Amino acid sequence: MKLLKKSYISLLLAIILLLSFTAAFAAAPSLPQPQSTSSQTIHLSDCVAGTFAPTPQSEGAYIANSNTGKFHHAGCRYVGMMSNNHKVYFDSREDAAGAGYVACKVCRP
């Protein structure tokens, strides 16, 4: 009889726990949808030795981050993580380096 009581109590606690989790997830606010960023089409001819060679864009082929002091190819994965407020555009590698920015070690501009 004692064992049966313990089983019912543990089953009841499990149900209460399950219900509390479902209520918590149901009441969670929906996350905002990510804003679509301009995507660039990559063609096989743009790839050289496994690295992406971006085509020049109207804003500049190189994008620097004023917060980190590094500059990247326009197609580097870190450009997508940058805040628009920190982006500085350059047309050439020399311009970016001349402004005091250091080359990214991932995309190696």
Protein backbone atom coordinates (compact mmCIF):
# COMPACT_ATOMS: atom_id res chain seq x y z
CA MET A 1 0.00 0.00 0.00
CA LYS A 2 2.84 2.38 0.90
CA LEU A 3 4.56 1.65 -2.39
CA LEU A 4 1.36 2.35 -4.30
CA LYS A 5 0.99 5.74 -2.55
CA LYS A 6 4.56 6.69 -3.47
CA SER A 7 3.90 5.76 -7.10
CA TYR A 8 0.77 7.91 -7.25
CA ILE A 9 2.53 10.82 -5.59
CA SER A 10 5.50 10.65 -7.97
CA LEU A 11 3.14 10.36 -10.96
CA LEU A 12 1.16 13.35 -9.73
CA LEU A 13 4.35 15.39 -9.29
CA ALA A 14 5.50 14.45 -12.79
CA ILE A 15 2.19 15.61 -14.28
CA ILE A 16 2.33 18.90 -12.37
CA LEU A 17 5.89 19.46 -13.55
CA LEU A 18 4.94 18.72 -17.15
CA LEU A 19 1.98 21.08 -17.01
CA SER A 20 4.08 23.87 -15.55
CA PHE A 21 6.62 23.52 -18.38
CA THR A 22 3.95 23.58 -21.07
CA ALA A 23 2.36 26.65 -19.49
CA ALA A 24 5.73 28.41 -19.37
CA PHE A 25 6.41 27.71 -23.05
CA ALA A 26 2.92 28.66 -24.12
CA ALA A 27 3.19 32.04 -22.36
CA ALA A 28 6.67 32.81 -23.77
CA PRO A 29 6.62 35.80 -26.11
CA SER A 30 7.42 35.07 -29.71
CA LEU A 31 10.92 36.00 -30.77
CA PRO A 32 11.30 38.77 -33.36
CA GLN A 33 11.99 37.55 -36.86
CA PRO A 34 15.46 38.38 -38.14
CA GLN A 35 15.55 41.19 -40.63
CA SER A 36 16.50 40.12 -44.08
CA THR A 37 19.88 41.42 -45.10
CA SER A 38 20.93 41.92 -48.64
CA SER A 39 22.31 38.64 -49.82
CA GLN A 40 24.97 38.31 -52.44
CA THR A 41 24.88 35.51 -54.97
CA ILE A 42 28.08 33.50 -54.99
CA HIS A 43 29.06 31.78 -58.21
CA LEU A 44 31.55 28.96 -58.46
CA SER A 45 33.81 31.18 -60.57
CA ASP A 46 34.07 33.63 -57.63
CA CYS A 47 35.67 31.00 -55.40
CA VAL A 48 39.43 30.73 -55.44
CA ALA A 49 41.13 27.95 -53.43
CA GLY A 50 38.12 27.61 -51.11
CA THR A 51 37.92 31.30 -50.20
CA PHE A 52 35.31 33.75 -51.33
CA ALA A 53 36.51 36.50 -53.66
CA PRO A 54 33.74 39.13 -53.50
CA THR A 55 32.74 41.25 -56.41
CA PRO A 56 32.99 44.99 -55.77
CA GLN A 57 29.80 46.55 -54.40
CA SER A 58 28.55 50.08 -54.69
CA GLU A 59 29.35 50.75 -51.02
CA GLY A 60 32.87 49.36 -51.30
CA ALA A 61 34.64 46.05 -51.70
CA TYR A 62 36.03 46.24 -48.17
CA ILE A 63 34.10 46.89 -44.99
CA ALA A 64 35.79 47.90 -41.76
CA ASN A 65 34.43 47.76 -38.25
CA SER A 66 35.08 51.00 -36.39
CA ASN A 67 34.55 49.16 -33.10
CA THR A 68 37.12 46.37 -33.60
CA GLY A 69 39.53 48.16 -35.95
CA LYS A 70 39.51 45.32 -38.52
CA PHE A 71 38.52 45.33 -42.18
CA HIS A 72 36.94 42.50 -44.15
CA HIS A 73 35.93 41.43 -47.65
CA ALA A 74 32.31 42.36 -48.28
CA GLY A 75 31.42 38.64 -48.23
CA CYS A 76 33.09 37.80 -44.90
CA ARG A 77 30.85 36.17 -42.30
CA TYR A 78 31.78 38.82 -39.73
CA VAL A 79 30.35 41.62 -41.88
CA GLY A 80 26.88 40.17 -41.30
CA MET A 81 27.44 40.30 -37.55
CA MET A 82 28.46 43.97 -37.57
CA SER A 83 26.17 46.75 -36.51
CA ASN A 84 25.41 49.13 -39.37
CA ASN A 85 26.58 51.98 -37.14
CA HIS A 86 30.09 50.50 -37.03
CA LYS A 87 30.52 49.80 -40.76
CA VAL A 88 33.04 51.88 -42.70
CA TYR A 89 33.32 51.26 -46.46
CA PHE A 90 36.52 51.30 -48.52
CA ASP A 91 37.12 50.74 -52.23
CA SER A 92 40.61 49.31 -51.84
CA ARG A 93 42.66 47.37 -49.36
CA GLU A 94 45.25 50.12 -49.28
CA ASP A 95 42.64 52.70 -48.26
CA ALA A 96 41.50 50.56 -45.34
CA ALA A 97 45.04 49.82 -44.18
CA GLY A 98 45.98 53.49 -44.62
CA ALA A 99 43.10 54.47 -42.34
CA GLY A 100 44.60 52.29 -39.59
CA TYR A 101 42.44 49.19 -39.92
CA VAL A 102 43.95 45.71 -39.62
CA ALA A 103 43.06 42.85 -42.01
CA CYS A 104 40.69 40.13 -40.80
CA LYS A 105 42.45 36.82 -40.17
CA VAL A 106 39.44 34.82 -41.38
CA CYS A 107 38.73 36.26 -44.84
CA ARG A 108 42.26 37.64 -45.35
CA PRO A 109 41.43 40.65 -47.51
